[in-house]
Amino acid sequence: MSEIKRPVFFSGENPGMSLYVPGTEQLAAVASYWYCTDSLWGVGHALILWLGITPSTDIGQGGIFTDNFSLAQILVKDLTQHFPEFRDVPVNALAYVDARCEHTYDGACYRVMCQTAETKIEIEWSEVLDRKQVIWPQFPAGETAYDLTTVICPCRAGHIQINGERMPGEIKTTQTAAGAPSST
């Protein structure tokens, strides 16, 4: 039996990546890429990127790179800042930057590229470990909750590159209690 729900807050994709200082639990970088195909704020892209341990000489601690400022502001305010990986990240202090963003996915590798006049950011996820559908009624996002339906694909490998320079850090992979692969 099907169920219809309204309104639709966001439809699209949102891969995320956390890179850690090798051999530690210390975050080196966190990224959340939004590709929106439908929302009340229009369509567009937003890359929320925080470079904690090793700021880039080109973009400092990171930024919010987008082609739709209204959409990016809502995604940061209502969703991204509440994600566990952004819990200790000063996301509200990141600057909004006009950028052309695009992505490709060939079934094995998901690539994002955000380009400004001065900076090219490339992020890549590869070696998919699992594909799972998650249905989460009342997904908590601050004081609000959303009914979430998504597909999660944990990956074994990933990296962030800024103007051709690869940022230090590694993906962590684990297994859930049920034995399914997971990555952060």
N, C-alpha and C. Protein backbone atom coordinates (compact mmCIF):
# COMPACT_ATOMS: atom_id res chain seq x y z
N MET A 1 0.84 -1.17 0.00
CA MET A 1 0.00 0.00 0.00
C MET A 1 0.89 1.24 0.00
N SER A 2 0.57 2.18 -0.82
CA SER A 2 1.37 3.40 -0.89
C SER A 2 0.84 4.44 0.08
N GLU A 3 1.72 5.36 0.43
CA GLU A 3 1.37 6.44 1.34
C GLU A 3 1.86 7.75 0.72
N ILE A 4 1.03 8.76 0.74
CA ILE A 4 1.39 10.06 0.20
C ILE A 4 1.55 11.04 1.35
N LYS A 5 2.68 11.78 1.34
CA LYS A 5 2.94 12.77 2.39
C LYS A 5 3.31 14.10 1.75
N ARG A 6 2.88 15.17 2.37
CA ARG A 6 3.22 16.52 1.94
C ARG A 6 3.49 17.36 3.17
N PRO A 7 4.25 18.41 3.09
CA PRO A 7 5.01 18.85 1.92
C PRO A 7 6.31 18.08 1.79
N VAL A 8 6.92 18.18 0.64
CA VAL A 8 8.25 17.62 0.42
C VAL A 8 9.24 18.75 0.71
N PHE A 9 10.09 18.56 1.70
CA PHE A 9 11.07 19.57 2.08
C PHE A 9 12.23 19.59 1.10
N PHE A 10 12.72 18.40 0.73
CA PHE A 10 13.89 18.29 -0.12
C PHE A 10 13.84 16.96 -0.86
N SER A 11 14.21 16.98 -2.13
CA SER A 11 14.38 15.76 -2.89
C SER A 11 15.71 15.88 -3.63
N GLY A 12 16.51 14.84 -3.53
CA GLY A 12 17.80 14.88 -4.19
C GLY A 12 18.79 13.93 -3.54
N GLU A 13 20.05 14.34 -3.52
CA GLU A 13 21.13 13.50 -2.99
C GLU A 13 21.92 14.28 -1.94
N ASN A 14 22.52 13.55 -1.00
CA ASN A 14 23.33 14.19 0.03
C ASN A 14 24.43 13.27 0.54
N PRO A 15 25.45 12.99 -0.28
CA PRO A 15 26.58 12.22 0.24
C PRO A 15 27.40 13.06 1.22
N GLY A 16 27.92 12.40 2.22
CA GLY A 16 28.77 13.06 3.20
C GLY A 16 30.08 12.33 3.36
N MET A 17 31.07 13.04 3.87
CA MET A 17 32.38 12.43 4.10
C MET A 17 33.02 13.04 5.33
N SER A 18 33.58 12.18 6.16
CA SER A 18 34.40 12.60 7.29
C SER A 18 35.78 12.00 7.09
N LEU A 19 36.79 12.84 7.11
CA LEU A 19 38.17 12.37 7.04
C LEU A 19 38.80 12.55 8.42
N TYR A 20 39.59 11.57 8.83
CA TYR A 20 40.23 11.59 10.14
C TYR A 20 41.74 11.63 9.99
N VAL A 21 42.40 12.25 10.96
CA VAL A 21 43.85 12.19 11.02
C VAL A 21 44.21 10.71 11.14
N PRO A 22 45.08 10.20 10.27
CA PRO A 22 45.38 8.77 10.28
C PRO A 22 45.75 8.25 11.68
N GLY A 23 45.11 7.13 12.04
CA GLY A 23 45.39 6.47 13.31
C GLY A 23 44.76 7.13 14.52
N THR A 24 43.87 8.12 14.31
CA THR A 24 43.25 8.82 15.44
C THR A 24 41.74 8.93 15.22
N GLU A 25 41.06 9.49 16.21
CA GLU A 25 39.64 9.81 16.11
C GLU A 25 39.44 11.30 15.83
N GLN A 26 40.51 12.02 15.54
CA GLN A 26 40.45 13.47 15.33
C GLN A 26 40.02 13.78 13.89
N LEU A 27 38.96 14.58 13.77
CA LEU A 27 38.47 14.97 12.45
C LEU A 27 39.48 15.86 11.74
N ALA A 28 39.73 15.54 10.49
CA ALA A 28 40.58 16.38 9.65
C ALA A 28 39.74 17.24 8.71
N ALA A 29 38.59 16.70 8.26
CA ALA A 29 37.70 17.43 7.35
C ALA A 29 36.33 16.77 7.36
N VAL A 30 35.30 17.59 7.12
CA VAL A 30 33.94 17.08 7.00
C VAL A 30 33.30 17.76 5.79
N ALA A 31 32.62 16.96 4.96
CA ALA A 31 31.95 17.50 3.78
C ALA A 31 30.53 16.94 3.70
N SER A 32 29.61 17.78 3.28
CA SER A 32 28.24 17.37 2.99
C SER A 32 27.86 18.03 1.67
N TYR A 33 27.61 17.21 0.66
CA TYR A 33 27.26 17.73 -0.66
C TYR A 33 25.78 17.51 -0.91
N TRP A 34 25.09 18.57 -1.24
CA TRP A 34 23.66 18.52 -1.52
C TRP A 34 23.41 18.77 -3.01
N TYR A 35 22.69 17.85 -3.64
CA TYR A 35 22.21 18.03 -5.00
C TYR A 35 20.70 17.98 -4.92
N CYS A 36 20.07 19.12 -5.10
CA CYS A 36 18.62 19.24 -4.92
C CYS A 36 17.91 19.26 -6.27
N THR A 37 16.99 18.31 -6.45
CA THR A 37 16.20 18.26 -7.67
C THR A 37 14.82 18.87 -7.49
N ASP A 38 14.41 19.11 -6.22
CA ASP A 38 13.12 19.73 -5.95
C ASP A 38 13.07 20.22 -4.50
N SER A 39 12.65 21.47 -4.32
CA SER A 39 12.44 22.02 -2.98
C SER A 39 11.65 23.32 -3.13
N LEU A 40 11.17 23.84 -2.01
CA LEU A 40 10.48 25.13 -2.03
C LEU A 40 11.42 26.27 -2.40
N TRP A 41 12.74 26.05 -2.29
CA TRP A 41 13.75 27.07 -2.57
C TRP A 41 14.40 26.87 -3.93
N GLY A 42 13.83 26.00 -4.73
CA GLY A 42 14.35 25.74 -6.07
C GLY A 42 15.34 24.59 -6.08
N VAL A 43 15.97 24.42 -7.21
CA VAL A 43 16.95 23.35 -7.39
C VAL A 43 18.35 23.95 -7.21
N GLY A 44 19.33 23.09 -7.07
CA GLY A 44 20.69 23.59 -6.95
C GLY A 44 21.61 22.65 -6.22
N HIS A 45 22.79 23.17 -5.91
CA HIS A 45 23.85 22.40 -5.27
C HIS A 45 24.40 23.20 -4.09
N ALA A 46 24.89 22.49 -3.09
CA ALA A 46 25.58 23.13 -1.97
C ALA A 46 26.61 22.15 -1.42
N LEU A 47 27.82 22.62 -1.28
CA LEU A 47 28.88 21.82 -0.66
C LEU A 47 29.27 22.53 0.63
N ILE A 48 28.99 21.88 1.75
CA ILE A 48 29.41 22.40 3.05
C ILE A 48 30.72 21.68 3.38
N LEU A 49 31.80 22.43 3.46
CA LEU A 49 33.13 21.85 3.63
C LEU A 49 33.84 22.53 4.78
N TRP A 50 34.26 21.73 5.76
CA TRP A 50 35.02 22.22 6.91
C TRP A 50 36.36 21.51 6.94
N LEU A 51 37.42 22.29 6.99
CA LEU A 51 38.78 21.76 7.04
C LEU A 51 39.34 22.09 8.42
N GLY A 52 39.19 21.17 9.33
CA GLY A 52 39.52 21.44 10.72
C GLY A 52 40.98 21.49 11.05
N ILE A 53 41.66 20.40 10.83
CA ILE A 53 43.03 20.29 11.32
C ILE A 53 44.04 20.96 10.40
N THR A 54 43.78 20.94 9.10
CA THR A 54 44.72 21.50 8.15
C THR A 54 43.99 22.47 7.23
N PRO A 55 43.85 23.72 7.66
CA PRO A 55 43.19 24.68 6.78
C PRO A 55 43.92 24.80 5.45
N SER A 56 43.16 25.03 4.41
CA SER A 56 43.74 25.20 3.09
C SER A 56 44.22 26.64 2.94
N THR A 57 45.36 26.80 2.31
CA THR A 57 45.85 28.16 2.07
C THR A 57 44.91 28.90 1.11
N ASP A 58 44.13 28.13 0.34
CA ASP A 58 43.23 28.75 -0.64
C ASP A 58 41.87 29.12 -0.06
N ILE A 59 41.35 28.32 0.89
CA ILE A 59 40.00 28.59 1.40
C ILE A 59 39.91 28.56 2.93
N GLY A 60 41.03 28.60 3.61
CA GLY A 60 41.02 28.64 5.08
C GLY A 60 40.35 27.41 5.67
N GLN A 61 39.39 27.63 6.58
CA GLN A 61 38.70 26.54 7.26
C GLN A 61 37.60 25.91 6.41
N GLY A 62 37.39 26.41 5.20
CA GLY A 62 36.37 25.84 4.32
C GLY A 62 35.34 26.87 3.93
N GLY A 63 34.13 26.40 3.62
CA GLY A 63 33.07 27.30 3.20
C GLY A 63 31.85 26.52 2.76
N ILE A 64 30.84 27.27 2.32
CA ILE A 64 29.61 26.70 1.79
C ILE A 64 29.53 27.16 0.34
N PHE A 65 29.80 26.25 -0.57
CA PHE A 65 29.92 26.55 -1.99
C PHE A 65 28.60 26.18 -2.66
N THR A 66 27.98 27.16 -3.34
CA THR A 66 26.62 26.93 -3.83
C THR A 66 26.28 27.77 -5.05
N ASP A 67 25.29 27.29 -5.80
CA ASP A 67 24.72 28.05 -6.90
C ASP A 67 23.30 28.52 -6.56
N ASN A 68 22.86 28.29 -5.31
CA ASN A 68 21.54 28.72 -4.85
C ASN A 68 21.65 29.06 -3.36
N PHE A 69 21.90 30.34 -3.06
CA PHE A 69 22.15 30.76 -1.68
C PHE A 69 20.97 30.48 -0.76
N SER A 70 19.75 30.73 -1.21
CA SER A 70 18.57 30.49 -0.36
C SER A 70 18.47 29.02 0.02
N LEU A 71 18.65 28.15 -0.95
CA LEU A 71 18.61 26.71 -0.69
C LEU A 71 19.72 26.31 0.28
N ALA A 72 20.94 26.77 0.04
CA ALA A 72 22.07 26.41 0.89
C ALA A 72 21.85 26.86 2.33
N GLN A 73 21.32 28.07 2.52
CA GLN A 73 21.08 28.57 3.87
C GLN A 73 20.07 27.70 4.62
N ILE A 74 19.01 27.28 3.95
CA ILE A 74 18.01 26.42 4.58
C ILE A 74 18.60 25.05 4.90
N LEU A 75 19.37 24.48 3.96
CA LEU A 75 19.97 23.16 4.19
C LEU A 75 20.92 23.19 5.39
N VAL A 76 21.70 24.26 5.52
CA VAL A 76 22.62 24.37 6.65
C VAL A 76 21.84 24.57 7.94
N LYS A 77 20.90 25.51 7.93
CA LYS A 77 20.16 25.87 9.15
C LYS A 77 19.27 24.73 9.64
N ASP A 78 18.54 24.11 8.72
CA ASP A 78 17.54 23.12 9.13
C ASP A 78 18.05 21.69 9.17
N LEU A 79 19.14 21.39 8.48
CA LEU A 79 19.60 19.99 8.43
C LEU A 79 21.07 19.82 8.79
N THR A 80 21.97 20.31 7.96
CA THR A 80 23.39 19.96 8.09
C THR A 80 23.96 20.24 9.48
N GLN A 81 23.66 21.38 10.05
CA GLN A 81 24.25 21.70 11.36
C GLN A 81 23.83 20.72 12.45
N HIS A 82 22.76 19.95 12.21
CA HIS A 82 22.28 18.99 13.20
C HIS A 82 22.82 17.58 12.98
N PHE A 83 23.52 17.35 11.88
CA PHE A 83 24.09 16.02 11.62
C PHE A 83 25.20 15.74 12.64
N PRO A 84 25.30 14.51 13.11
CA PRO A 84 26.33 14.18 14.13
C PRO A 84 27.75 14.57 13.71
N GLU A 85 28.09 14.39 12.45
CA GLU A 85 29.46 14.70 12.02
C GLU A 85 29.76 16.20 12.04
N PHE A 86 28.72 17.03 12.09
CA PHE A 86 28.91 18.48 12.15
C PHE A 86 28.69 19.03 13.56
N ARG A 87 28.52 18.16 14.53
CA ARG A 87 28.21 18.57 15.91
C ARG A 87 29.22 19.57 16.47
N ASP A 88 30.50 19.35 16.25
CA ASP A 88 31.53 20.24 16.79
C ASP A 88 32.15 21.15 15.74
N VAL A 89 31.47 21.29 14.61
CA VAL A 89 31.97 22.11 13.51
C VAL A 89 31.26 23.47 13.54
N PRO A 90 32.01 24.56 13.48
CA PRO A 90 31.40 25.89 13.48
C PRO A 90 30.80 26.24 12.11
N VAL A 91 29.81 25.44 11.69
CA VAL A 91 29.25 25.57 10.35
C VAL A 91 28.65 26.95 10.10
N ASN A 92 28.09 27.58 11.13
CA ASN A 92 27.49 28.91 10.94
C ASN A 92 28.53 30.00 10.73
N ALA A 93 29.80 29.70 10.98
CA ALA A 93 30.86 30.67 10.76
C ALA A 93 31.47 30.55 9.35
N LEU A 94 31.08 29.52 8.61
CA LEU A 94 31.62 29.33 7.26
C LEU A 94 30.98 30.33 6.29
N ALA A 95 31.79 30.86 5.40
CA ALA A 95 31.31 31.84 4.41
C ALA A 95 30.57 31.13 3.28
N TYR A 96 29.54 31.79 2.76
CA TYR A 96 28.83 31.32 1.57
C TYR A 96 29.57 31.85 0.35
N VAL A 97 29.83 30.96 -0.60
CA VAL A 97 30.63 31.31 -1.77
C VAL A 97 29.87 30.88 -3.03
N ASP A 98 29.74 31.79 -3.98
CA ASP A 98 29.11 31.47 -5.26
C ASP A 98 30.02 30.50 -6.01
N ALA A 99 29.46 29.37 -6.43
CA ALA A 99 30.27 28.35 -7.11
C ALA A 99 29.43 27.58 -8.11
N ARG A 100 30.08 27.08 -9.12
CA ARG A 100 29.46 26.15 -10.05
C ARG A 100 29.79 24.75 -9.55
N CYS A 101 28.76 23.98 -9.26
CA CYS A 101 28.96 22.63 -8.72
C CYS A 101 28.33 21.61 -9.66
N GLU A 102 28.96 20.48 -9.76
CA GLU A 102 28.41 19.38 -10.55
C GLU A 102 28.92 18.06 -9.97
N HIS A 103 28.26 16.99 -10.36
CA HIS A 103 28.70 15.68 -9.88
C HIS A 103 28.47 14.64 -10.96
N THR A 104 29.18 13.53 -10.82
CA THR A 104 28.98 12.37 -11.68
C THR A 104 28.98 11.13 -10.79
N TYR A 105 28.28 10.11 -11.25
CA TYR A 105 28.28 8.83 -10.55
C TYR A 105 28.14 7.75 -11.61
N ASP A 106 29.08 6.82 -11.63
CA ASP A 106 29.06 5.76 -12.64
C ASP A 106 28.70 4.40 -12.05
N GLY A 107 28.17 4.40 -10.83
CA GLY A 107 27.82 3.15 -10.17
C GLY A 107 28.93 2.63 -9.26
N ALA A 108 30.13 3.14 -9.44
CA ALA A 108 31.27 2.72 -8.62
C ALA A 108 31.95 3.89 -7.93
N CYS A 109 31.90 5.06 -8.55
CA CYS A 109 32.61 6.23 -8.02
C CYS A 109 31.72 7.47 -8.15
N TYR A 110 31.55 8.18 -7.04
CA TYR A 110 30.76 9.42 -7.00
C TYR A 110 31.76 10.57 -6.90
N ARG A 111 31.70 11.49 -7.86
CA ARG A 111 32.65 12.62 -7.89
C ARG A 111 31.88 13.93 -7.86
N VAL A 112 32.38 14.86 -7.05
CA VAL A 112 31.82 16.21 -6.95
C VAL A 112 32.91 17.19 -7.32
N MET A 113 32.53 18.23 -8.06
CA MET A 113 33.46 19.30 -8.38
C MET A 113 32.73 20.62 -8.16
N CYS A 114 33.32 21.49 -7.34
CA CYS A 114 32.80 22.84 -7.14
C CYS A 114 33.90 23.81 -7.56
N GLN A 115 33.52 24.77 -8.40
CA GLN A 115 34.50 25.68 -8.99
C GLN A 115 34.10 27.13 -8.73
N THR A 116 35.04 27.91 -8.19
CA THR A 116 34.87 29.36 -8.10
C THR A 116 35.91 29.98 -9.04
N ALA A 117 35.98 31.29 -9.07
CA ALA A 117 36.98 31.94 -9.93
C ALA A 117 38.40 31.57 -9.50
N GLU A 118 38.60 31.32 -8.20
CA GLU A 118 39.94 31.06 -7.68
C GLU A 118 40.18 29.62 -7.25
N THR A 119 39.13 28.85 -7.03
CA THR A 119 39.29 27.56 -6.35
C THR A 119 38.52 26.45 -7.04
N LYS A 120 39.16 25.28 -7.09
CA LYS A 120 38.51 24.07 -7.59
C LYS A 120 38.57 23.02 -6.49
N ILE A 121 37.40 22.59 -6.04
CA ILE A 121 37.30 21.57 -4.99
C ILE A 121 36.77 20.30 -5.64
N GLU A 122 37.46 19.19 -5.39
CA GLU A 122 37.04 17.90 -5.91
C GLU A 122 36.94 16.92 -4.76
N ILE A 123 35.83 16.19 -4.72
CA ILE A 123 35.62 15.18 -3.68
C ILE A 123 35.22 13.89 -4.39
N GLU A 124 35.77 12.79 -3.90
CA GLU A 124 35.49 11.51 -4.53
C GLU A 124 35.22 10.44 -3.48
N TRP A 125 34.13 9.70 -3.70
CA TRP A 125 33.77 8.53 -2.89
C TRP A 125 33.90 7.31 -3.80
N SER A 126 34.54 6.23 -3.32
CA SER A 126 34.69 5.04 -4.15
C SER A 126 34.73 3.78 -3.29
N GLU A 127 34.73 2.65 -3.96
CA GLU A 127 34.73 1.34 -3.32
C GLU A 127 33.51 1.18 -2.41
N VAL A 128 32.33 1.22 -3.02
CA VAL A 128 31.07 1.08 -2.29
C VAL A 128 31.05 -0.27 -1.57
N LEU A 129 30.74 -0.23 -0.28
CA LEU A 129 30.72 -1.44 0.56
C LEU A 129 29.33 -2.06 0.67
N ASP A 130 28.29 -1.24 0.52
CA ASP A 130 26.93 -1.70 0.75
C ASP A 130 25.97 -0.69 0.14
N ARG A 131 24.76 -1.11 -0.14
CA ARG A 131 23.68 -0.22 -0.57
C ARG A 131 22.47 -0.59 0.26
N LYS A 132 21.94 0.39 1.02
CA LYS A 132 20.80 0.09 1.88
C LYS A 132 19.82 1.25 1.89
N GLN A 133 18.54 0.91 1.90
CA GLN A 133 17.49 1.91 2.02
C GLN A 133 17.21 2.13 3.50
N VAL A 134 17.10 3.39 3.88
CA VAL A 134 16.78 3.75 5.26
C VAL A 134 15.48 4.55 5.25
N ILE A 135 14.53 4.10 6.02
CA ILE A 135 13.27 4.82 6.21
C ILE A 135 13.23 5.21 7.68
N TRP A 136 13.28 6.50 7.96
CA TRP A 136 13.41 6.99 9.33
C TRP A 136 12.32 8.02 9.60
N PRO A 137 11.17 7.57 10.13
CA PRO A 137 10.13 8.54 10.50
C PRO A 137 10.65 9.45 11.62
N GLN A 138 10.34 10.71 11.50
CA GLN A 138 10.70 11.70 12.52
C GLN A 138 12.21 11.77 12.77
N PHE A 139 12.97 11.83 11.68
CA PHE A 139 14.42 12.03 11.76
C PHE A 139 14.68 13.35 12.49
N PRO A 140 15.45 13.31 13.59
CA PRO A 140 15.64 14.53 14.39
C PRO A 140 16.63 15.50 13.74
N ALA A 141 16.21 16.76 13.65
CA ALA A 141 17.07 17.83 13.13
C ALA A 141 16.82 19.06 14.01
N GLY A 142 17.55 19.13 15.10
CA GLY A 142 17.32 20.22 16.05
C GLY A 142 15.97 20.04 16.71
N GLU A 143 15.17 21.09 16.70
CA GLU A 143 13.85 21.03 17.32
C GLU A 143 12.78 20.54 16.35
N THR A 144 13.16 20.25 15.12
CA THR A 144 12.23 19.79 14.10
C THR A 144 12.55 18.34 13.75
N ALA A 145 11.57 17.64 13.23
CA ALA A 145 11.77 16.27 12.77
C ALA A 145 11.18 16.12 11.37
N TYR A 146 11.83 15.32 10.55
CA TYR A 146 11.40 15.10 9.17
C TYR A 146 11.26 13.60 8.93
N ASP A 147 10.31 13.22 8.10
CA ASP A 147 10.24 11.83 7.66
C ASP A 147 11.27 11.67 6.55
N LEU A 148 12.23 10.80 6.78
CA LEU A 148 13.37 10.65 5.88
C LEU A 148 13.32 9.30 5.18
N THR A 149 13.49 9.31 3.89
CA THR A 149 13.69 8.10 3.10
C THR A 149 14.94 8.33 2.27
N THR A 150 15.90 7.43 2.40
CA THR A 150 17.17 7.65 1.70
C THR A 150 17.83 6.31 1.39
N VAL A 151 18.82 6.36 0.54
CA VAL A 151 19.68 5.21 0.26
C VAL A 151 21.08 5.59 0.75
N ILE A 152 21.66 4.72 1.55
CA ILE A 152 22.99 4.95 2.11
C ILE A 152 23.96 3.96 1.46
N CYS A 153 25.10 4.48 1.01
CA CYS A 153 26.13 3.65 0.39
C CYS A 153 27.47 3.92 1.07
N PRO A 154 27.77 3.22 2.17
CA PRO A 154 29.08 3.43 2.79
C PRO A 154 30.20 3.05 1.83
N CYS A 155 31.31 3.79 1.91
CA CYS A 155 32.43 3.58 0.99
C CYS A 155 33.72 3.31 1.76
N ARG A 156 34.60 2.54 1.15
CA ARG A 156 35.90 2.23 1.74
C ARG A 156 36.90 3.36 1.51
N ALA A 157 36.74 4.10 0.42
CA ALA A 157 37.75 5.10 0.07
C ALA A 157 37.09 6.44 -0.28
N GLY A 158 37.84 7.50 -0.05
CA GLY A 158 37.38 8.83 -0.41
C GLY A 158 38.47 9.84 -0.15
N HIS A 159 38.39 10.96 -0.87
CA HIS A 159 39.37 12.02 -0.65
C HIS A 159 38.79 13.37 -1.06
N ILE A 160 39.45 14.42 -0.56
CA ILE A 160 39.11 15.80 -0.88
C ILE A 160 40.36 16.45 -1.45
N GLN A 161 40.18 17.15 -2.55
CA GLN A 161 41.30 17.81 -3.21
C GLN A 161 40.93 19.27 -3.46
N ILE A 162 41.85 20.18 -3.15
CA ILE A 162 41.62 21.61 -3.37
C ILE A 162 42.75 22.14 -4.25
N ASN A 163 42.35 22.67 -5.41
CA ASN A 163 43.32 23.18 -6.39
C ASN A 163 44.44 22.17 -6.65
N GLY A 164 44.05 20.91 -6.79
CA GLY A 164 45.00 19.85 -7.10
C GLY A 164 45.75 19.28 -5.91
N GLU A 165 45.58 19.87 -4.73
CA GLU A 165 46.28 19.39 -3.53
C GLU A 165 45.34 18.53 -2.70
N ARG A 166 45.74 17.29 -2.49
CA ARG A 166 44.92 16.36 -1.71
C ARG A 166 45.03 16.70 -0.22
N MET A 167 43.87 16.82 0.43
CA MET A 167 43.84 17.13 1.86
C MET A 167 44.16 15.87 2.65
N PRO A 168 44.91 16.01 3.75
CA PRO A 168 45.25 14.83 4.54
C PRO A 168 44.02 14.28 5.26
N GLY A 169 44.01 12.98 5.45
CA GLY A 169 42.92 12.35 6.19
C GLY A 169 42.50 11.05 5.55
N GLU A 170 41.83 10.22 6.37
CA GLU A 170 41.38 8.92 5.89
C GLU A 170 39.95 8.64 6.33
N ILE A 171 39.27 7.83 5.52
CA ILE A 171 37.93 7.35 5.84
C ILE A 171 38.06 6.25 6.89
N LYS A 172 37.11 6.16 7.79
CA LYS A 172 37.08 5.06 8.75
C LYS A 172 35.94 4.12 8.36
N THR A 173 36.23 2.84 8.32
CA THR A 173 35.20 1.84 8.05
C THR A 173 35.04 0.96 9.28
N THR A 174 33.79 0.57 9.53
CA THR A 174 33.47 -0.31 10.65
C THR A 174 32.37 -1.26 10.21
N GLN A 175 31.89 -2.05 11.16
CA GLN A 175 30.73 -2.89 10.92
C GLN A 175 29.70 -2.59 11.99
N THR A 176 28.43 -2.60 11.58
CA THR A 176 27.35 -2.41 12.54
C THR A 176 27.22 -3.67 13.39
N ALA A 177 26.40 -3.61 14.43
CA ALA A 177 26.18 -4.77 15.29
C ALA A 177 25.64 -5.95 14.49
N ALA A 178 24.90 -5.66 13.41
CA ALA A 178 24.34 -6.71 12.57
C ALA A 178 25.35 -7.23 11.54
N GLY A 179 26.56 -6.65 11.52
CA GLY A 179 27.60 -7.11 10.61
C GLY A 179 27.66 -6.38 9.28
N ALA A 180 26.79 -5.39 9.07
CA ALA A 180 26.79 -4.64 7.82
C ALA A 180 27.92 -3.61 7.83
N PRO A 181 28.55 -3.37 6.67
CA PRO A 181 29.62 -2.37 6.62
C PRO A 181 29.08 -0.95 6.82
N SER A 182 29.92 -0.11 7.40
CA SER A 182 29.59 1.29 7.63
C SER A 182 30.86 2.10 7.43
N SER A 183 30.70 3.36 7.06
CA SER A 183 31.87 4.24 6.92
C SER A 183 31.52 5.62 7.43
N THR A 184 32.56 6.33 7.88
CA THR A 184 32.38 7.72 8.31
C THR A 184 33.48 8.55 7.69
